[in-house]
Amino acid sequence: MTGTVVYKPLTSLAQGDRLARDLHDEQGGVLVPAGSLVDDRVRRRLQLFGVDTVPVEGLESAGTTAQADASLDDALNHLFRHWRCSPGMNHLRALIASHRSGAASQ
């Protein structure tokens, strides 16, 4: 494991996927802690709280890098879904995508 985080839609989580980060509810409480293995109980809990994209640990390879980029794009699309017409928010989204993909320069 290289510590790569892959964002997967809740519907495509596999039994045994390991969460890469804590998942929080709206009040900041931990729904499911990082390192937890995905099972039916975890999937139902996330669905109940409206979580649709989940950060899981992944292996870094050519195939998973492209998949990680696509899942990052899906996650950002979800986060910025109400701000698609705002040039400022589109710029912020692009900066986040660039930073998260490792292309950001300092």
C-alpha atoms as a PDB file:
ATOM      1  CA  MET A   1       0.000   0.000   0.000  1.00  0.00           C
ATOM      2  CA  THR A   2       1.398   3.376  -0.995  1.00  0.00           C
ATOM      3  CA  GLY A   3      -1.058   5.575   0.831  1.00  0.00           C
ATOM      4  CA  THR A   4      -2.846   6.636  -2.351  1.00  0.00           C
ATOM      5  CA  VAL A   5      -6.408   7.811  -1.797  1.00  0.00           C
ATOM      6  CA  VAL A   6      -9.018   6.827  -4.365  1.00  0.00           C
ATOM      7  CA  TYR A   7     -12.480   8.403  -4.246  1.00  0.00           C
ATOM      8  CA  LYS A   8     -15.151   5.840  -5.066  1.00  0.00           C
ATOM      9  CA  PRO A   9     -18.889   6.249  -5.388  1.00  0.00           C
ATOM     10  CA  LEU A  10     -20.704   4.504  -2.548  1.00  0.00           C
ATOM     11  CA  THR A  11     -22.350   2.195  -5.076  1.00  0.00           C
ATOM     12  CA  SER A  12     -18.982   0.853  -6.285  1.00  0.00           C
ATOM     13  CA  LEU A  13     -17.385   0.140  -2.896  1.00  0.00           C
ATOM     14  CA  ALA A  14     -16.213  -3.449  -2.546  1.00  0.00           C
ATOM     15  CA  GLN A  15     -16.397  -5.572   0.605  1.00  0.00           C
ATOM     16  CA  GLY A  16     -13.080  -5.083   2.374  1.00  0.00           C
ATOM     17  CA  ASP A  17     -12.186  -1.667   0.917  1.00  0.00           C
ATOM     18  CA  ARG A  18     -10.401   0.312   3.642  1.00  0.00           C
ATOM     19  CA  LEU A  19     -11.427   3.919   4.371  1.00  0.00           C
ATOM     20  CA  ALA A  20      -8.528   6.315   3.891  1.00  0.00           C
ATOM     21  CA  ARG A  21      -9.971   9.143   5.997  1.00  0.00           C
ATOM     22  CA  ASP A  22     -12.474   9.684   8.782  1.00  0.00           C
ATOM     23  CA  LEU A  23     -15.967  10.366   7.463  1.00  0.00           C
ATOM     24  CA  HIS A  24     -17.866  13.036   9.409  1.00  0.00           C
ATOM     25  CA  ASP A  25     -21.498  14.007   9.763  1.00  0.00           C
ATOM     26  CA  GLU A  26     -22.724  17.603   9.431  1.00  0.00           C
ATOM     27  CA  GLN A  27     -21.983  18.349  13.091  1.00  0.00           C
ATOM     28  CA  GLY A  28     -18.398  17.081  12.807  1.00  0.00           C
ATOM     29  CA  GLY A  29     -18.944  13.751  14.530  1.00  0.00           C
ATOM     30  CA  VAL A  30     -17.147  10.750  13.095  1.00  0.00           C
ATOM     31  CA  LEU A  31     -19.519   8.501  11.147  1.00  0.00           C
ATOM     32  CA  VAL A  32     -16.862   5.937  10.288  1.00  0.00           C
ATOM     33  CA  PRO A  33     -13.183   6.202  11.301  1.00  0.00           C
ATOM     34  CA  ALA A  34     -10.271   5.953   8.877  1.00  0.00           C
ATOM     35  CA  GLY A  35      -8.962   2.428   8.498  1.00  0.00           C
ATOM     36  CA  SER A  36     -12.390   0.835   8.803  1.00  0.00           C
ATOM     37  CA  LEU A  37     -13.158  -1.975   6.386  1.00  0.00           C
ATOM     38  CA  VAL A  38     -16.266  -1.560   4.247  1.00  0.00           C
ATOM     39  CA  ASP A  39     -19.017  -4.039   4.984  1.00  0.00           C
ATOM     40  CA  ASP A  40     -22.811  -3.963   4.671  1.00  0.00           C
ATOM     41  CA  ARG A  41     -23.182  -2.140   8.019  1.00  0.00           C
ATOM     42  CA  VAL A  42     -20.772   0.640   6.966  1.00  0.00           C
ATOM     43  CA  ARG A  43     -22.413   0.941   3.542  1.00  0.00           C
ATOM     44  CA  ARG A  44     -25.901   1.284   5.123  1.00  0.00           C
ATOM     45  CA  ARG A  45     -24.652   3.896   7.611  1.00  0.00           C
ATOM     46  CA  LEU A  46     -23.073   5.992   4.861  1.00  0.00           C
ATOM     47  CA  GLN A  47     -26.180   5.704   2.723  1.00  0.00           C
ATOM     48  CA  LEU A  48     -28.367   6.766   5.661  1.00  0.00           C
ATOM     49  CA  PHE A  49     -26.273   9.936   6.102  1.00  0.00           C
ATOM     50  CA  GLY A  50     -26.297  10.754   2.373  1.00  0.00           C
ATOM     51  CA  VAL A  51     -22.619  10.048   1.696  1.00  0.00           C
ATOM     52  CA  ASP A  52     -22.150   9.270  -1.987  1.00  0.00           C
ATOM     53  CA  THR A  53     -18.363   9.453  -2.489  1.00  0.00           C
ATOM     54  CA  VAL A  54     -15.919   7.706  -0.170  1.00  0.00           C
ATOM     55  CA  PRO A  55     -12.105   8.000   0.123  1.00  0.00           C
ATOM     56  CA  VAL A  56     -10.563   4.527   0.201  1.00  0.00           C
ATOM     57  CA  GLU A  57      -6.981   3.348   0.266  1.00  0.00           C
ATOM     58  CA  GLY A  58      -5.689   2.275  -3.113  1.00  0.00           C
ATOM     59  CA  LEU A  59      -2.587   1.008  -4.855  1.00  0.00           C
ATOM     60  CA  GLU A  60      -0.782   3.358  -7.187  1.00  0.00           C
ATOM     61  CA  SER A  61      -0.422   2.083 -10.719  1.00  0.00           C
ATOM     62  CA  ALA A  62      -1.070   3.407 -14.202  1.00  0.00           C
ATOM     63  CA  GLY A  63      -4.630   2.057 -14.156  1.00  0.00           C
ATOM     64  CA  THR A  64      -5.512   3.283 -10.693  1.00  0.00           C
ATOM     65  CA  THR A  65      -3.961   6.706 -11.313  1.00  0.00           C
ATOM     66  CA  ALA A  66      -6.454   7.313 -14.113  1.00  0.00           C
ATOM     67  CA  GLN A  67      -9.219   5.929 -11.917  1.00  0.00           C
ATOM     68  CA  ALA A  68      -8.137   8.190  -9.051  1.00  0.00           C
ATOM     69  CA  ASP A  69      -8.215  11.220 -11.355  1.00  0.00           C
ATOM     70  CA  ALA A  70     -11.719  10.292 -12.476  1.00  0.00           C
ATOM     71  CA  SER A  71     -12.908   9.736  -8.918  1.00  0.00           C
ATOM     72  CA  LEU A  72     -11.371  13.054  -7.820  1.00  0.00           C
ATOM     73  CA  ASP A  73     -13.229  14.748 -10.638  1.00  0.00           C
ATOM     74  CA  ASP A  74     -16.466  13.042  -9.531  1.00  0.00           C
ATOM     75  CA  ALA A  75     -15.916  14.163  -5.927  1.00  0.00           C
ATOM     76  CA  LEU A  76     -15.238  17.764  -6.973  1.00  0.00           C
ATOM     77  CA  ASN A  77     -18.262  17.769  -9.263  1.00  0.00           C
ATOM     78  CA  HIS A  78     -20.373  16.724  -6.305  1.00  0.00           C
ATOM     79  CA  LEU A  79     -18.876  19.336  -3.957  1.00  0.00           C
ATOM     80  CA  PHE A  80     -19.274  22.163  -6.483  1.00  0.00           C
ATOM     81  CA  ARG A  81     -22.608  21.000  -7.956  1.00  0.00           C
ATOM     82  CA  HIS A  82     -24.430  24.177  -6.845  1.00  0.00           C
ATOM     83  CA  TRP A  83     -21.713  26.544  -8.084  1.00  0.00           C
ATOM     84  CA  ARG A  84     -21.249  25.572 -11.742  1.00  0.00           C
ATOM     85  CA  CYS A  85     -22.194  29.040 -13.009  1.00  0.00           C
ATOM     86  CA  SER A  86     -19.796  30.916 -10.734  1.00  0.00           C
ATOM     87  CA  PRO A  87     -16.449  31.817 -12.355  1.00  0.00           C
ATOM     88  CA  GLY A  88     -14.818  32.250  -8.949  1.00  0.00           C
ATOM     89  CA  MET A  89     -15.961  28.859  -7.706  1.00  0.00           C
ATOM     90  CA  ASN A  90     -14.942  27.224 -11.000  1.00  0.00           C
ATOM     91  CA  HIS A  91     -11.477  28.711 -10.536  1.00  0.00           C
ATOM     92  CA  LEU A  92     -11.342  27.409  -6.954  1.00  0.00           C
ATOM     93  CA  ARG A  93     -12.421  23.955  -8.154  1.00  0.00           C
ATOM     94  CA  ALA A  94      -9.652  23.971 -10.778  1.00  0.00           C
ATOM     95  CA  LEU A  95      -7.063  24.968  -8.158  1.00  0.00           C
ATOM     96  CA  ILE A  96      -8.187  22.163  -5.848  1.00  0.00           C
ATOM     97  CA  ALA A  97      -8.090  19.628  -8.684  1.00  0.00           C
ATOM     98  CA  SER A  98      -4.630  20.784  -9.679  1.00  0.00           C
ATOM     99  CA  HIS A  99      -3.357  20.606  -6.102  1.00  0.00           C
ATOM    100  CA  ARG A 100      -4.916  17.197  -5.386  1.00  0.00           C
ATOM    101  CA  SER A 101      -3.518  15.695  -8.584  1.00  0.00           C
ATOM    102  CA  GLY A 102      -0.008  16.879  -7.662  1.00  0.00           C
ATOM    103  CA  ALA A 103       0.258  19.353 -10.513  1.00  0.00           C
ATOM    104  CA  ALA A 104       0.249  22.458  -8.292  1.00  0.00           C
ATOM    105  CA  SER A 105       3.448  24.443  -8.190  1.00  0.00           C
ATOM    106  CA  GLN A 106       4.503  26.397  -5.167  1.00  0.00           C
END
